[in-house]
Amino acid sequence: NAISYHDYYDNGNPSYIEEYDKKHERLLQRSSFYHDGKPMSMFIPITDKKPIRYSHKEYFPGGNQVKEEYEMIYSDDALDYV
């Protein structure tokens, strides 16, 4: 099983990255990027202890200004992020 997924634009810049821990139990990063390599969205853990809290940020084109920002936790009951 893959523990990371990386997609790239034709110019070599990353377009999408998704990474998990070695046991594939915890998401370490889920990020999308604009064609110029600037961040479009970033989903990363803030804490290591359960429930794991994640930071989600979406950026305007150019990747410098945050368009939306919130925190989520992984729910074992729902098997999803809430």
C-alpha atoms as a PDB file:
ATOM      1  CA  ASN A   1       0.000   0.000   0.000  1.00  0.00           C
ATOM      2  CA  ALA A   2       1.225   3.446  -0.882  1.00  0.00           C
ATOM      3  CA  ILE A   3       1.753   5.823   2.018  1.00  0.00           C
ATOM      4  CA  SER A   4       2.175   8.902  -0.141  1.00  0.00           C
ATOM      5  CA  TYR A   5       0.717  10.226  -3.360  1.00  0.00           C
ATOM      6  CA  HIS A   6       2.389  12.984  -5.349  1.00  0.00           C
ATOM      7  CA  ASP A   7       1.045  14.527  -8.551  1.00  0.00           C
ATOM      8  CA  TYR A   8       2.916  17.150 -10.554  1.00  0.00           C
ATOM      9  CA  TYR A   9       2.163  19.717 -13.233  1.00  0.00           C
ATOM     10  CA  ASP A  10       4.023  19.493 -16.547  1.00  0.00           C
ATOM     11  CA  ASN A  11       6.340  22.284 -15.327  1.00  0.00           C
ATOM     12  CA  GLY A  12       7.509  20.071 -12.421  1.00  0.00           C
ATOM     13  CA  ASN A  13       5.655  21.911  -9.647  1.00  0.00           C
ATOM     14  CA  PRO A  14       3.586  19.761  -7.290  1.00  0.00           C
ATOM     15  CA  SER A  15      -0.174  19.799  -7.869  1.00  0.00           C
ATOM     16  CA  TYR A  16      -1.248  17.414  -5.074  1.00  0.00           C
ATOM     17  CA  ILE A  17       0.408  15.687  -2.113  1.00  0.00           C
ATOM     18  CA  GLU A  18      -1.156  13.186   0.273  1.00  0.00           C
ATOM     19  CA  GLU A  19       0.911  11.390   2.922  1.00  0.00           C
ATOM     20  CA  TYR A  20       0.109   8.946   5.731  1.00  0.00           C
ATOM     21  CA  ASP A  21       2.096   7.478   8.611  1.00  0.00           C
ATOM     22  CA  LYS A  22       3.783   4.101   8.088  1.00  0.00           C
ATOM     23  CA  LYS A  23       0.777   2.160   9.411  1.00  0.00           C
ATOM     24  CA  HIS A  24      -1.569   4.163   7.171  1.00  0.00           C
ATOM     25  CA  GLU A  25      -3.555   5.140  10.275  1.00  0.00           C
ATOM     26  CA  ARG A  26      -2.996   8.895  10.379  1.00  0.00           C
ATOM     27  CA  LEU A  27      -3.017  11.521   7.678  1.00  0.00           C
ATOM     28  CA  LEU A  28       0.180  13.590   7.764  1.00  0.00           C
ATOM     29  CA  GLN A  29      -0.603  15.985   4.931  1.00  0.00           C
ATOM     30  CA  ARG A  30      -3.126  16.622   2.166  1.00  0.00           C
ATOM     31  CA  SER A  31      -2.169  19.623   0.057  1.00  0.00           C
ATOM     32  CA  SER A  32      -3.109  21.082  -3.320  1.00  0.00           C
ATOM     33  CA  PHE A  33      -1.085  23.657  -5.216  1.00  0.00           C
ATOM     34  CA  TYR A  34      -1.622  26.201  -7.962  1.00  0.00           C
ATOM     35  CA  HIS A  35       0.254  25.804 -11.247  1.00  0.00           C
ATOM     36  CA  ASP A  36       2.941  28.245 -10.012  1.00  0.00           C
ATOM     37  CA  GLY A  37       3.660  26.035  -6.965  1.00  0.00           C
ATOM     38  CA  LYS A  38       1.909  28.273  -4.406  1.00  0.00           C
ATOM     39  CA  PRO A  39      -0.481  26.538  -1.972  1.00  0.00           C
ATOM     40  CA  MET A  40      -4.157  26.193  -2.875  1.00  0.00           C
ATOM     41  CA  SER A  41      -5.156  24.214   0.224  1.00  0.00           C
ATOM     42  CA  MET A  42      -3.302  22.662   3.152  1.00  0.00           C
ATOM     43  CA  PHE A  43      -4.686  20.010   5.528  1.00  0.00           C
ATOM     44  CA  ILE A  44      -2.159  19.071   8.223  1.00  0.00           C
ATOM     45  CA  PRO A  45      -2.295  17.728  11.805  1.00  0.00           C
ATOM     46  CA  ILE A  46      -1.885  20.174  14.686  1.00  0.00           C
ATOM     47  CA  THR A  47      -1.761  17.563  17.461  1.00  0.00           C
ATOM     48  CA  ASP A  48      -0.540  13.981  17.742  1.00  0.00           C
ATOM     49  CA  LYS A  49      -2.837  12.896  20.580  1.00  0.00           C
ATOM     50  CA  LYS A  50      -6.337  11.565  19.962  1.00  0.00           C
ATOM     51  CA  PRO A  51      -8.565  13.086  18.920  1.00  0.00           C
ATOM     52  CA  ILE A  52      -6.128  14.411  16.346  1.00  0.00           C
ATOM     53  CA  ARG A  53      -6.873  18.005  15.387  1.00  0.00           C
ATOM     54  CA  TYR A  54      -6.163  19.175  11.849  1.00  0.00           C
ATOM     55  CA  SER A  55      -5.695  22.619  10.391  1.00  0.00           C
ATOM     56  CA  HIS A  56      -7.365  23.264   7.043  1.00  0.00           C
ATOM     57  CA  LYS A  57      -6.426  26.383   5.076  1.00  0.00           C
ATOM     58  CA  GLU A  58      -7.516  27.431   1.611  1.00  0.00           C
ATOM     59  CA  TYR A  59      -5.653  30.179  -0.219  1.00  0.00           C
ATOM     60  CA  PHE A  60      -6.491  32.731  -2.901  1.00  0.00           C
ATOM     61  CA  PRO A  61      -4.542  32.418  -6.171  1.00  0.00           C
ATOM     62  CA  GLY A  62      -0.970  33.444  -5.485  1.00  0.00           C
ATOM     63  CA  GLY A  63      -0.950  31.434  -2.254  1.00  0.00           C
ATOM     64  CA  ASN A  64      -0.218  34.389   0.020  1.00  0.00           C
ATOM     65  CA  GLN A  65      -3.638  35.268   1.436  1.00  0.00           C
ATOM     66  CA  VAL A  66      -5.794  32.806   3.371  1.00  0.00           C
ATOM     67  CA  LYS A  67      -9.313  32.560   1.949  1.00  0.00           C
ATOM     68  CA  GLU A  68     -10.681  30.142   4.553  1.00  0.00           C
ATOM     69  CA  GLU A  69      -9.285  28.567   7.717  1.00  0.00           C
ATOM     70  CA  TYR A  70     -10.742  26.092  10.214  1.00  0.00           C
ATOM     71  CA  GLU A  71      -9.889  23.091  12.375  1.00  0.00           C
ATOM     72  CA  MET A  72     -11.257  19.566  12.134  1.00  0.00           C
ATOM     73  CA  ILE A  73     -10.877  16.367  14.140  1.00  0.00           C
ATOM     74  CA  TYR A  74     -10.980  12.784  12.958  1.00  0.00           C
ATOM     75  CA  SER A  75     -13.979  10.972  14.404  1.00  0.00           C
ATOM     76  CA  ASP A  76     -13.519   7.215  14.879  1.00  0.00           C
ATOM     77  CA  ASP A  77     -17.315   6.915  15.206  1.00  0.00           C
ATOM     78  CA  ALA A  78     -18.054   8.673  11.916  1.00  0.00           C
ATOM     79  CA  LEU A  79     -14.859   7.397  10.217  1.00  0.00           C
ATOM     80  CA  ASP A  80     -14.471  10.898   8.824  1.00  0.00           C
ATOM     81  CA  TYR A  81     -13.285  14.408   9.644  1.00  0.00           C
ATOM     82  CA  VAL A  82     -15.737  16.679  11.470  1.00  0.00           C
END
